[in-house]
């Protein structure tokens, strides 16, 4: 009751300022606190269910004012329990220009310490052979040329991969072969 009386006593300009402040605080709470928890649990659950592999995401950070997001400590296990894919951190800085461009426009995409382990299993199959099937939906419907959608444009001012490693193992015949490449550092500008 007191709040209602207080609010009704405000001038129109102060009401607008009060509503704007409430919306700003709500945006901050959802962006900084709620969204990272939801993204972390939903992404890990979706990937675990889809890939049928162990998935760990240590932390998700989102800054709704700077339009930045990072996923830290991702680990995806292989079916045999060993490591398949991991990274220390992926960072994305989205630009407001995305609204005008009609697709994602990034100031920076940075992938820190990615490791991918590809294996030829004893039966001759690759350890990643099941992944495309996991993401494939039922038979795609045929699209005619008029209804076919063009892919969204993707722009990035800077893409950086730092301390990347690629591990290859061939377990299909004795003795097993293992080779590791890295660390690899690379960057692309105006991609």
N, C-alpha and C. Protein backbone atom coordinates (compact mmCIF):
# COMPACT_ATOMS: atom_id res chain seq x y z
N UNK A 1 0.82 -1.18 0.00
CA UNK A 1 0.00 0.00 0.00
C UNK A 1 0.87 1.26 0.00
N UNK A 2 1.92 1.25 0.83
CA UNK A 2 2.78 2.42 0.90
C UNK A 2 3.47 2.67 -0.43
N UNK A 3 3.93 1.58 -1.05
CA UNK A 3 4.62 1.72 -2.33
C UNK A 3 3.68 2.30 -3.38
N UNK A 4 2.44 1.84 -3.40
CA UNK A 4 1.47 2.34 -4.36
C UNK A 4 1.22 3.83 -4.14
N UNK A 5 1.08 4.21 -2.88
CA UNK A 5 0.85 5.62 -2.55
C UNK A 5 2.07 6.46 -2.95
N UNK A 6 3.25 5.93 -2.64
CA UNK A 6 4.48 6.63 -3.00
C UNK A 6 4.57 6.81 -4.51
N UNK A 7 4.30 5.71 -5.26
CA UNK A 7 4.39 5.74 -6.72
C UNK A 7 3.37 6.70 -7.32
N UNK A 8 2.15 6.68 -6.81
CA UNK A 8 1.12 7.56 -7.37
C UNK A 8 1.42 9.03 -7.09
N UNK A 9 2.22 9.32 -6.08
CA UNK A 9 2.58 10.70 -5.77
C UNK A 9 3.72 11.23 -6.63
N UNK A 10 4.34 10.37 -7.44
CA UNK A 10 5.45 10.81 -8.28
C UNK A 10 4.94 11.56 -9.51
N UNK A 11 5.76 12.48 -9.99
CA UNK A 11 5.42 13.17 -11.23
C UNK A 11 5.62 12.19 -12.39
N UNK A 12 5.10 12.54 -13.54
CA UNK A 12 5.19 11.66 -14.71
C UNK A 12 6.66 11.35 -15.06
N UNK A 13 7.50 12.36 -15.02
CA UNK A 13 8.92 12.17 -15.33
C UNK A 13 9.61 11.22 -14.36
N UNK A 14 9.28 11.34 -13.09
CA UNK A 14 9.88 10.45 -12.10
C UNK A 14 9.35 9.02 -12.23
N UNK A 15 8.09 8.89 -12.63
CA UNK A 15 7.55 7.54 -12.86
C UNK A 15 8.31 6.87 -14.00
N UNK A 16 8.54 7.62 -15.07
CA UNK A 16 9.28 7.07 -16.20
C UNK A 16 10.70 6.68 -15.76
N UNK A 17 11.35 7.54 -14.98
CA UNK A 17 12.70 7.25 -14.49
C UNK A 17 12.70 6.03 -13.58
N UNK A 18 11.68 5.90 -12.73
CA UNK A 18 11.58 4.76 -11.83
C UNK A 18 11.40 3.47 -12.63
N UNK A 19 10.51 3.49 -13.61
CA UNK A 19 10.28 2.30 -14.45
C UNK A 19 11.56 1.94 -15.21
N UNK A 20 12.25 2.95 -15.75
CA UNK A 20 13.50 2.70 -16.47
C UNK A 20 14.54 2.07 -15.54
N UNK A 21 14.63 2.56 -14.31
CA UNK A 21 15.59 2.01 -13.34
C UNK A 21 15.26 0.56 -13.00
N UNK A 22 13.97 0.27 -12.81
CA UNK A 22 13.55 -1.11 -12.51
C UNK A 22 13.88 -2.02 -13.69
N UNK A 23 13.62 -1.57 -14.91
CA UNK A 23 13.93 -2.37 -16.09
C UNK A 23 15.44 -2.59 -16.23
N UNK A 24 16.23 -1.56 -15.96
CA UNK A 24 17.68 -1.68 -16.06
C UNK A 24 18.23 -2.67 -15.03
N UNK A 25 17.75 -2.58 -13.80
CA UNK A 25 18.19 -3.51 -12.76
C UNK A 25 17.75 -4.93 -13.11
N UNK A 26 16.54 -5.09 -13.62
CA UNK A 26 16.05 -6.42 -14.02
C UNK A 26 16.91 -7.00 -15.14
N UNK A 27 17.24 -6.17 -16.13
CA UNK A 27 18.09 -6.59 -17.24
C UNK A 27 19.46 -7.05 -16.71
N UNK A 28 20.01 -6.30 -15.77
CA UNK A 28 21.32 -6.65 -15.21
C UNK A 28 21.25 -7.96 -14.42
N UNK A 29 20.23 -8.12 -13.59
CA UNK A 29 20.09 -9.34 -12.79
C UNK A 29 19.93 -10.56 -13.69
N UNK A 30 19.05 -10.44 -14.68
CA UNK A 30 18.84 -11.57 -15.59
C UNK A 30 20.12 -11.85 -16.38
N UNK A 31 20.76 -10.81 -16.92
CA UNK A 31 21.95 -11.00 -17.74
C UNK A 31 23.17 -11.51 -16.99
N UNK A 32 23.44 -10.94 -15.83
CA UNK A 32 24.64 -11.32 -15.07
C UNK A 32 24.45 -12.58 -14.23
N UNK A 33 23.26 -12.79 -13.68
CA UNK A 33 23.06 -13.88 -12.73
C UNK A 33 22.24 -15.05 -13.26
N UNK A 34 21.08 -14.77 -13.82
CA UNK A 34 20.16 -15.84 -14.21
C UNK A 34 20.61 -16.52 -15.50
N UNK A 35 20.86 -15.75 -16.54
CA UNK A 35 21.18 -16.31 -17.84
C UNK A 35 22.41 -17.23 -17.82
N UNK A 36 23.51 -16.88 -17.16
CA UNK A 36 24.65 -17.80 -17.12
C UNK A 36 24.31 -19.17 -16.51
N UNK A 37 23.51 -19.18 -15.46
CA UNK A 37 23.12 -20.45 -14.85
C UNK A 37 22.27 -21.28 -15.80
N UNK A 38 21.33 -20.63 -16.47
CA UNK A 38 20.45 -21.33 -17.40
C UNK A 38 21.24 -21.86 -18.59
N UNK A 39 22.09 -21.02 -19.17
CA UNK A 39 22.89 -21.44 -20.33
C UNK A 39 23.79 -22.61 -19.95
N UNK A 40 24.44 -22.53 -18.80
CA UNK A 40 25.36 -23.59 -18.38
C UNK A 40 24.64 -24.93 -18.24
N UNK A 41 23.52 -24.93 -17.53
CA UNK A 41 22.83 -26.21 -17.30
C UNK A 41 22.17 -26.72 -18.58
N UNK A 42 21.56 -25.84 -19.36
CA UNK A 42 20.89 -26.28 -20.58
C UNK A 42 21.88 -26.76 -21.63
N UNK A 43 22.98 -26.04 -21.81
CA UNK A 43 23.97 -26.45 -22.81
C UNK A 43 24.61 -27.78 -22.44
N UNK A 44 25.01 -27.92 -21.18
CA UNK A 44 25.63 -29.18 -20.75
C UNK A 44 24.65 -30.34 -20.89
N UNK A 45 23.41 -30.14 -20.47
CA UNK A 45 22.40 -31.19 -20.58
C UNK A 45 22.11 -31.57 -22.01
N UNK A 46 21.96 -30.57 -22.88
CA UNK A 46 21.68 -30.83 -24.29
C UNK A 46 22.83 -31.60 -24.94
N UNK A 47 24.06 -31.15 -24.71
CA UNK A 47 25.21 -31.82 -25.32
C UNK A 47 25.38 -33.23 -24.79
N UNK A 48 25.20 -33.43 -23.49
CA UNK A 48 25.31 -34.77 -22.91
C UNK A 48 24.29 -35.72 -23.52
N UNK A 49 23.06 -35.25 -23.62
CA UNK A 49 21.99 -36.09 -24.16
C UNK A 49 22.19 -36.35 -25.65
N UNK A 50 22.56 -35.34 -26.40
CA UNK A 50 22.71 -35.48 -27.85
C UNK A 50 23.92 -36.31 -28.21
N UNK A 51 25.05 -36.06 -27.57
CA UNK A 51 26.29 -36.74 -27.92
C UNK A 51 26.49 -38.07 -27.20
N UNK A 52 25.72 -38.30 -26.15
CA UNK A 52 25.88 -39.48 -25.31
C UNK A 52 27.32 -39.57 -24.79
N UNK A 53 27.80 -38.42 -24.32
CA UNK A 53 29.14 -38.31 -23.76
C UNK A 53 29.07 -37.43 -22.52
N UNK A 54 30.07 -37.59 -21.66
CA UNK A 54 30.17 -36.75 -20.46
C UNK A 54 30.52 -35.32 -20.88
N UNK A 55 29.78 -34.34 -20.35
CA UNK A 55 30.03 -32.93 -20.67
C UNK A 55 30.11 -32.14 -19.36
N UNK A 56 31.16 -31.36 -19.23
CA UNK A 56 31.34 -30.49 -18.07
C UNK A 56 31.56 -29.07 -18.57
N UNK A 57 30.82 -28.13 -18.01
CA UNK A 57 31.05 -26.71 -18.26
C UNK A 57 31.26 -26.08 -16.89
N UNK A 58 32.47 -25.59 -16.64
CA UNK A 58 32.77 -25.03 -15.32
C UNK A 58 32.03 -23.72 -15.06
N UNK A 59 32.06 -22.82 -16.03
CA UNK A 59 31.49 -21.50 -15.77
C UNK A 59 31.06 -20.83 -17.07
N UNK A 60 29.94 -20.13 -16.99
CA UNK A 60 29.47 -19.27 -18.08
C UNK A 60 29.38 -17.86 -17.52
N UNK A 61 29.94 -16.93 -18.25
CA UNK A 61 29.87 -15.52 -17.85
C UNK A 61 29.22 -14.73 -18.98
N UNK A 62 28.32 -13.85 -18.61
CA UNK A 62 27.65 -12.99 -19.59
C UNK A 62 27.65 -11.57 -19.04
N UNK A 63 28.02 -10.63 -19.89
CA UNK A 63 27.92 -9.21 -19.55
C UNK A 63 26.91 -8.60 -20.52
N UNK A 64 25.68 -8.37 -20.06
CA UNK A 64 24.64 -7.89 -20.98
C UNK A 64 24.86 -6.45 -21.43
N UNK A 65 25.69 -5.69 -20.73
CA UNK A 65 25.94 -4.31 -21.13
C UNK A 65 27.04 -4.23 -22.19
N UNK A 66 28.09 -5.04 -22.04
CA UNK A 66 29.18 -5.06 -23.01
C UNK A 66 28.90 -6.04 -24.15
N UNK A 67 27.82 -6.81 -24.05
CA UNK A 67 27.46 -7.85 -25.03
C UNK A 67 28.60 -8.86 -25.20
N UNK A 68 29.16 -9.31 -24.07
CA UNK A 68 30.19 -10.33 -24.10
C UNK A 68 29.71 -11.57 -23.37
N UNK A 69 30.27 -12.70 -23.77
CA UNK A 69 29.95 -13.97 -23.13
C UNK A 69 31.19 -14.85 -23.19
N UNK A 70 31.36 -15.69 -22.18
CA UNK A 70 32.45 -16.65 -22.20
C UNK A 70 31.97 -17.96 -21.58
N UNK A 71 32.49 -19.03 -22.12
CA UNK A 71 32.27 -20.37 -21.58
C UNK A 71 33.64 -20.88 -21.18
N UNK A 72 33.80 -21.19 -19.90
CA UNK A 72 35.10 -21.58 -19.38
C UNK A 72 35.07 -23.04 -18.92
N UNK A 73 36.18 -23.72 -19.16
CA UNK A 73 36.33 -25.07 -18.66
C UNK A 73 35.40 -26.09 -19.28
N UNK A 74 35.27 -26.08 -20.60
CA UNK A 74 34.44 -27.09 -21.26
C UNK A 74 35.26 -28.36 -21.43
N UNK A 75 34.65 -29.48 -21.08
CA UNK A 75 35.25 -30.80 -21.31
C UNK A 75 34.18 -31.73 -21.84
N UNK A 76 34.46 -32.34 -22.97
CA UNK A 76 33.57 -33.37 -23.52
C UNK A 76 34.38 -34.65 -23.57
N UNK A 77 33.89 -35.66 -22.90
CA UNK A 77 34.59 -36.94 -22.86
C UNK A 77 34.28 -37.78 -24.08
N UNK A 78 35.15 -38.72 -24.33
CA UNK A 78 34.90 -39.67 -25.41
C UNK A 78 34.06 -40.81 -24.84
N UNK A 79 33.56 -41.66 -25.69
CA UNK A 79 32.71 -42.75 -25.21
C UNK A 79 33.46 -43.72 -24.31
N UNK A 80 34.77 -43.83 -24.49
CA UNK A 80 35.55 -44.74 -23.64
C UNK A 80 35.97 -44.07 -22.33
N UNK A 81 35.54 -42.83 -22.10
CA UNK A 81 35.84 -42.13 -20.85
C UNK A 81 37.04 -41.20 -20.94
N UNK A 82 37.84 -41.32 -21.99
CA UNK A 82 38.99 -40.43 -22.14
C UNK A 82 38.52 -39.06 -22.64
N UNK A 83 39.44 -38.12 -22.70
CA UNK A 83 39.09 -36.78 -23.16
C UNK A 83 38.93 -36.76 -24.68
N UNK A 84 37.94 -36.03 -25.15
CA UNK A 84 37.70 -35.88 -26.58
C UNK A 84 37.93 -34.43 -27.02
N UNK A 85 37.26 -33.49 -26.35
CA UNK A 85 37.36 -32.08 -26.71
C UNK A 85 37.33 -31.25 -25.44
N UNK A 86 38.18 -30.27 -25.38
CA UNK A 86 38.16 -29.37 -24.22
C UNK A 86 38.69 -28.02 -24.63
N UNK A 87 38.37 -27.04 -23.82
CA UNK A 87 39.00 -25.74 -23.95
C UNK A 87 39.01 -25.05 -22.60
N UNK A 88 39.96 -24.16 -22.46
CA UNK A 88 40.07 -23.37 -21.24
C UNK A 88 38.98 -22.29 -21.23
N UNK A 89 38.84 -21.61 -22.38
CA UNK A 89 37.87 -20.52 -22.43
C UNK A 89 37.55 -20.17 -23.88
N UNK A 90 36.28 -19.90 -24.14
CA UNK A 90 35.89 -19.29 -25.41
C UNK A 90 35.20 -17.98 -25.04
N UNK A 91 35.59 -16.92 -25.72
CA UNK A 91 35.09 -15.58 -25.42
C UNK A 91 34.53 -14.98 -26.69
N UNK A 92 33.36 -14.37 -26.59
CA UNK A 92 32.73 -13.71 -27.73
C UNK A 92 32.30 -12.31 -27.34
N UNK A 93 32.60 -11.35 -28.21
CA UNK A 93 32.18 -9.96 -28.00
C UNK A 93 31.29 -9.59 -29.19
N UNK A 94 30.00 -9.62 -28.97
CA UNK A 94 29.01 -9.34 -30.01
C UNK A 94 28.87 -7.83 -30.19
N UNK A 95 28.62 -7.41 -31.41
CA UNK A 95 28.44 -5.99 -31.70
C UNK A 95 26.97 -5.65 -31.89
N UNK A 96 26.61 -4.43 -31.55
CA UNK A 96 25.24 -3.97 -31.80
C UNK A 96 24.93 -3.97 -33.29
N UNK A 97 25.96 -3.91 -34.12
CA UNK A 97 25.77 -3.93 -35.56
C UNK A 97 25.08 -5.21 -36.02
N UNK A 98 25.06 -6.23 -35.18
CA UNK A 98 24.38 -7.48 -35.53
C UNK A 98 22.92 -7.23 -35.88
N UNK A 99 22.32 -6.27 -35.20
CA UNK A 99 20.91 -5.95 -35.47
C UNK A 99 20.76 -5.43 -36.90
N UNK A 100 21.68 -4.57 -37.32
CA UNK A 100 21.61 -3.99 -38.66
C UNK A 100 22.08 -4.95 -39.74
N UNK A 101 23.06 -5.77 -39.43
CA UNK A 101 23.63 -6.69 -40.41
C UNK A 101 22.73 -7.89 -40.69
N UNK A 102 21.83 -8.18 -39.77
CA UNK A 102 20.95 -9.33 -39.97
C UNK A 102 21.61 -10.66 -39.64
N UNK A 103 22.75 -10.64 -39.02
CA UNK A 103 23.46 -11.84 -38.62
C UNK A 103 24.49 -11.48 -37.58
N UNK A 104 25.12 -12.47 -36.96
CA UNK A 104 26.07 -12.17 -35.89
C UNK A 104 27.30 -11.41 -36.39
N UNK A 105 27.60 -10.33 -35.71
CA UNK A 105 28.79 -9.52 -35.99
C UNK A 105 29.58 -9.43 -34.69
N UNK A 106 30.81 -9.90 -34.72
CA UNK A 106 31.63 -9.97 -33.52
C UNK A 106 32.82 -9.03 -33.62
N UNK A 107 33.13 -8.36 -32.53
CA UNK A 107 34.37 -7.60 -32.45
C UNK A 107 35.52 -8.59 -32.24
N UNK A 108 35.25 -9.64 -31.43
CA UNK A 108 36.30 -10.60 -31.13
C UNK A 108 35.70 -11.96 -30.79
N UNK A 109 36.32 -13.00 -31.30
CA UNK A 109 36.06 -14.39 -30.90
C UNK A 109 37.42 -14.96 -30.51
N UNK A 110 37.53 -15.47 -29.30
CA UNK A 110 38.83 -15.96 -28.81
C UNK A 110 38.64 -17.35 -28.19
N UNK A 111 39.42 -18.31 -28.66
CA UNK A 111 39.39 -19.67 -28.14
C UNK A 111 40.74 -19.96 -27.51
N UNK A 112 40.74 -20.20 -26.20
CA UNK A 112 41.99 -20.41 -25.46
C UNK A 112 42.17 -21.88 -25.10
N UNK A 113 43.33 -22.40 -25.43
CA UNK A 113 43.76 -23.76 -25.08
C UNK A 113 42.78 -24.85 -25.49
N UNK A 114 42.35 -24.85 -26.77
CA UNK A 114 41.50 -25.96 -27.20
C UNK A 114 42.33 -27.22 -27.44
N UNK A 115 41.76 -28.35 -27.11
CA UNK A 115 42.40 -29.64 -27.36
C UNK A 115 41.35 -30.56 -27.97
N UNK A 116 41.69 -31.15 -29.12
CA UNK A 116 40.80 -32.14 -29.73
C UNK A 116 41.60 -33.42 -29.92
N UNK A 117 40.98 -34.54 -29.55
CA UNK A 117 41.64 -35.84 -29.64
C UNK A 117 40.83 -36.71 -30.61
N UNK A 118 41.38 -36.91 -31.80
CA UNK A 118 40.77 -37.80 -32.78
C UNK A 118 41.45 -39.15 -32.71
N UNK A 119 40.62 -40.21 -32.79
CA UNK A 119 41.16 -41.57 -32.70
C UNK A 119 40.55 -42.44 -33.79
N UNK A 120 41.39 -43.31 -34.31
CA UNK A 120 40.87 -44.43 -35.10
C UNK A 120 40.77 -45.58 -34.11
N UNK A 121 39.56 -46.03 -33.89
CA UNK A 121 39.29 -47.06 -32.89
C UNK A 121 39.73 -48.43 -33.40
N UNK A 122 39.82 -49.43 -32.52
CA UNK A 122 40.24 -50.77 -32.95
C UNK A 122 39.39 -51.34 -34.09
N UNK A 123 38.11 -50.94 -34.19
CA UNK A 123 37.27 -51.44 -35.28
C UNK A 123 37.41 -50.63 -36.57
N UNK A 124 38.32 -49.64 -36.59
CA UNK A 124 38.56 -48.85 -37.78
C UNK A 124 37.70 -47.59 -37.91
N UNK A 125 36.76 -47.41 -37.02
CA UNK A 125 35.90 -46.22 -37.05
C UNK A 125 36.58 -45.06 -36.34
N UNK A 126 36.24 -43.84 -36.76
CA UNK A 126 36.71 -42.66 -36.05
C UNK A 126 35.88 -42.45 -34.80
N UNK A 127 36.47 -41.92 -33.76
CA UNK A 127 35.72 -41.68 -32.52
C UNK A 127 34.67 -40.58 -32.68
N UNK A 128 34.69 -39.86 -33.78
CA UNK A 128 33.71 -38.80 -34.02
C UNK A 128 32.65 -39.21 -35.05
N UNK A 129 32.70 -40.46 -35.51
CA UNK A 129 31.80 -40.89 -36.59
C UNK A 129 30.33 -40.77 -36.22
N UNK A 130 30.00 -40.89 -34.95
CA UNK A 130 28.60 -40.84 -34.53
C UNK A 130 28.08 -39.41 -34.31
N UNK A 131 28.95 -38.43 -34.29
CA UNK A 131 28.53 -37.06 -33.95
C UNK A 131 27.63 -36.44 -35.02
N UNK A 132 27.95 -36.53 -36.31
CA UNK A 132 27.02 -35.94 -37.29
C UNK A 132 25.61 -36.54 -37.20
N UNK A 133 25.53 -37.84 -36.96
CA UNK A 133 24.22 -38.48 -36.82
C UNK A 133 23.48 -37.97 -35.59
N UNK A 134 24.21 -37.67 -34.53
CA UNK A 134 23.57 -37.19 -33.30
C UNK A 134 22.89 -35.85 -33.52
N UNK A 135 23.46 -35.01 -34.36
CA UNK A 135 22.88 -33.69 -34.60
C UNK A 135 21.93 -33.67 -35.79
N UNK A 136 21.93 -34.72 -36.59
CA UNK A 136 21.04 -34.75 -37.76
C UNK A 136 19.61 -34.98 -37.30
N UNK A 137 18.72 -34.24 -37.91
CA UNK A 137 17.30 -34.43 -37.61
C UNK A 137 16.75 -35.46 -38.58
N UNK A 138 15.47 -35.67 -38.53
CA UNK A 138 14.86 -36.59 -39.48
C UNK A 138 15.10 -36.05 -40.89
N UNK A 139 14.67 -36.81 -41.87
CA UNK A 139 14.87 -36.43 -43.26
C UNK A 139 14.53 -34.96 -43.47
N UNK A 140 15.47 -34.16 -43.96
CA UNK A 140 15.15 -32.76 -44.22
C UNK A 140 14.15 -32.64 -45.36
N UNK A 141 13.24 -31.71 -45.19
CA UNK A 141 12.25 -31.50 -46.24
C UNK A 141 12.91 -30.80 -47.41
N UNK A 142 12.47 -31.18 -48.60
CA UNK A 142 12.97 -30.54 -49.81
C UNK A 142 12.47 -29.10 -49.84
N UNK A 143 13.37 -28.17 -50.09
CA UNK A 143 12.98 -26.77 -50.19
C UNK A 143 13.05 -26.35 -51.64
N UNK A 144 12.02 -25.65 -52.09
CA UNK A 144 12.13 -25.13 -53.44
C UNK A 144 12.94 -23.84 -53.38
N UNK A 145 13.37 -23.37 -54.53
CA UNK A 145 14.27 -22.23 -54.58
C UNK A 145 13.66 -20.97 -54.01
N UNK A 146 12.34 -20.82 -54.10
CA UNK A 146 11.69 -19.60 -53.62
C UNK A 146 11.65 -19.54 -52.10
N UNK A 147 11.50 -20.68 -51.43
CA UNK A 147 11.38 -20.67 -49.98
C UNK A 147 12.70 -20.94 -49.27
N UNK A 148 13.74 -21.27 -50.03
CA UNK A 148 15.04 -21.54 -49.42
C UNK A 148 15.58 -20.26 -48.78
N UNK A 149 15.98 -20.38 -47.52
CA UNK A 149 16.52 -19.22 -46.81
C UNK A 149 18.03 -19.16 -47.00
N UNK A 150 18.52 -17.96 -47.18
CA UNK A 150 19.96 -17.78 -47.28
C UNK A 150 20.56 -17.79 -45.88
N UNK A 151 21.77 -18.30 -45.75
CA UNK A 151 22.39 -18.29 -44.42
C UNK A 151 22.63 -16.86 -43.95
N UNK A 152 22.61 -16.70 -42.64
CA UNK A 152 22.87 -15.38 -42.06
C UNK A 152 24.32 -14.99 -42.30
N UNK A 153 24.57 -13.72 -42.58
CA UNK A 153 25.96 -13.29 -42.73
C UNK A 153 26.68 -13.36 -41.39
N UNK A 154 27.92 -13.76 -41.42
CA UNK A 154 28.75 -13.87 -40.21
C UNK A 154 29.96 -12.98 -40.40
N UNK A 155 30.17 -12.07 -39.48
CA UNK A 155 31.31 -11.17 -39.56
C UNK A 155 32.06 -11.17 -38.23
N UNK A 156 33.38 -11.19 -38.31
CA UNK A 156 34.20 -11.11 -37.09
C UNK A 156 35.42 -10.27 -37.39
N UNK A 157 35.63 -9.24 -36.59
CA UNK A 157 36.80 -8.38 -36.77
C UNK A 157 38.08 -9.12 -36.38
N UNK A 158 37.99 -9.99 -35.36
CA UNK A 158 39.17 -10.72 -34.89
C UNK A 158 38.77 -12.10 -34.38
N UNK A 159 39.42 -13.12 -34.91
CA UNK A 159 39.25 -14.49 -34.43
C UNK A 159 40.63 -14.97 -34.00
N UNK A 160 40.73 -15.43 -32.76
CA UNK A 160 42.03 -15.85 -32.21
C UNK A 160 41.90 -17.25 -31.63
N UNK A 161 42.85 -18.10 -31.98
CA UNK A 161 43.00 -19.41 -31.33
C UNK A 161 44.39 -19.41 -30.71
N UNK A 162 44.45 -19.65 -29.40
CA UNK A 162 45.74 -19.62 -28.72
C UNK A 162 45.98 -20.93 -27.96
N UNK A 163 47.20 -21.42 -28.08
CA UNK A 163 47.65 -22.64 -27.39
C UNK A 163 46.78 -23.86 -27.75
N UNK A 164 46.41 -23.97 -29.01
CA UNK A 164 45.61 -25.11 -29.44
C UNK A 164 46.45 -26.36 -29.62
N UNK A 165 45.84 -27.51 -29.36
CA UNK A 165 46.54 -28.78 -29.55
C UNK A 165 45.62 -29.76 -30.26
N UNK A 166 46.21 -30.57 -31.11
CA UNK A 166 45.50 -31.61 -31.83
C UNK A 166 46.21 -32.93 -31.55
N UNK A 167 45.47 -33.90 -31.03
CA UNK A 167 46.05 -35.20 -30.70
C UNK A 167 45.39 -36.24 -31.60
N UNK A 168 46.22 -37.06 -32.25
CA UNK A 168 45.70 -38.11 -33.13
C UNK A 168 46.23 -39.45 -32.63
N UNK A 169 45.33 -40.43 -32.51
CA UNK A 169 45.72 -41.78 -32.11
C UNK A 169 45.13 -42.79 -33.08
N UNK A 170 45.93 -43.79 -33.43
CA UNK A 170 45.44 -44.88 -34.26
C UNK A 170 45.55 -46.16 -33.44
N UNK A 171 44.39 -46.67 -33.01
CA UNK A 171 44.34 -47.88 -32.20
C UNK A 171 43.95 -49.10 -33.02
N UNK A 172 43.91 -48.95 -34.36
CA UNK A 172 43.38 -50.03 -35.20
C UNK A 172 44.37 -51.16 -35.42
N UNK A 173 45.65 -50.94 -35.16
CA UNK A 173 46.61 -52.03 -35.28
C UNK A 173 47.76 -51.80 -34.31
N UNK A 174 48.35 -52.90 -33.82
CA UNK A 174 49.45 -52.75 -32.87
C UNK A 174 50.74 -52.37 -33.61
N UNK A 175 51.64 -51.69 -33.01
CA UNK A 175 51.45 -50.96 -31.77
C UNK A 175 50.64 -49.69 -32.02
N UNK A 176 49.91 -49.23 -31.04
CA UNK A 176 49.11 -48.01 -31.22
C UNK A 176 50.02 -46.83 -31.56
N UNK A 177 49.50 -45.96 -32.39
CA UNK A 177 50.23 -44.77 -32.82
C UNK A 177 49.59 -43.54 -32.19
N UNK A 178 50.41 -42.61 -31.75
CA UNK A 178 49.88 -41.35 -31.17
C UNK A 178 50.79 -40.21 -31.59
N UNK A 179 50.17 -39.13 -32.05
CA UNK A 179 50.92 -37.94 -32.45
C UNK A 179 50.19 -36.70 -31.95
N UNK A 180 50.95 -35.76 -31.44
CA UNK A 180 50.36 -34.52 -30.93
C UNK A 180 50.96 -33.33 -31.66
N UNK A 181 50.10 -32.42 -32.11
CA UNK A 181 50.53 -31.19 -32.75
C UNK A 181 50.17 -30.02 -31.85
N UNK A 182 51.09 -29.13 -31.67
CA UNK A 182 50.77 -27.95 -30.89
C UNK A 182 51.92 -27.58 -29.99
N UNK A 183 51.83 -26.49 -29.33
CA UNK A 183 50.69 -25.58 -29.33
C UNK A 183 50.64 -24.74 -30.61
N UNK A 184 49.43 -24.44 -31.03
CA UNK A 184 49.19 -23.66 -32.24
C UNK A 184 48.54 -22.35 -31.84
N UNK A 185 49.07 -21.26 -32.36
CA UNK A 185 48.48 -19.93 -32.18
C UNK A 185 48.17 -19.37 -33.55
N UNK A 186 46.98 -18.83 -33.71
CA UNK A 186 46.64 -18.21 -34.99
C UNK A 186 45.59 -17.14 -34.78
N UNK A 187 45.54 -16.21 -35.72
CA UNK A 187 44.50 -15.18 -35.66
C UNK A 187 44.08 -14.80 -37.07
N UNK A 188 42.83 -14.47 -37.20
CA UNK A 188 42.26 -13.99 -38.45
C UNK A 188 41.65 -12.63 -38.19
N UNK A 189 41.85 -11.71 -39.10
CA UNK A 189 41.23 -10.40 -38.95
C UNK A 189 40.26 -10.15 -40.09
N UNK A 190 39.21 -9.42 -39.78
CA UNK A 190 38.17 -9.06 -40.75
C UNK A 190 37.67 -10.27 -41.53
N UNK A 191 37.24 -11.25 -40.81
CA UNK A 191 36.75 -12.50 -41.39
C UNK A 191 35.27 -12.39 -41.68
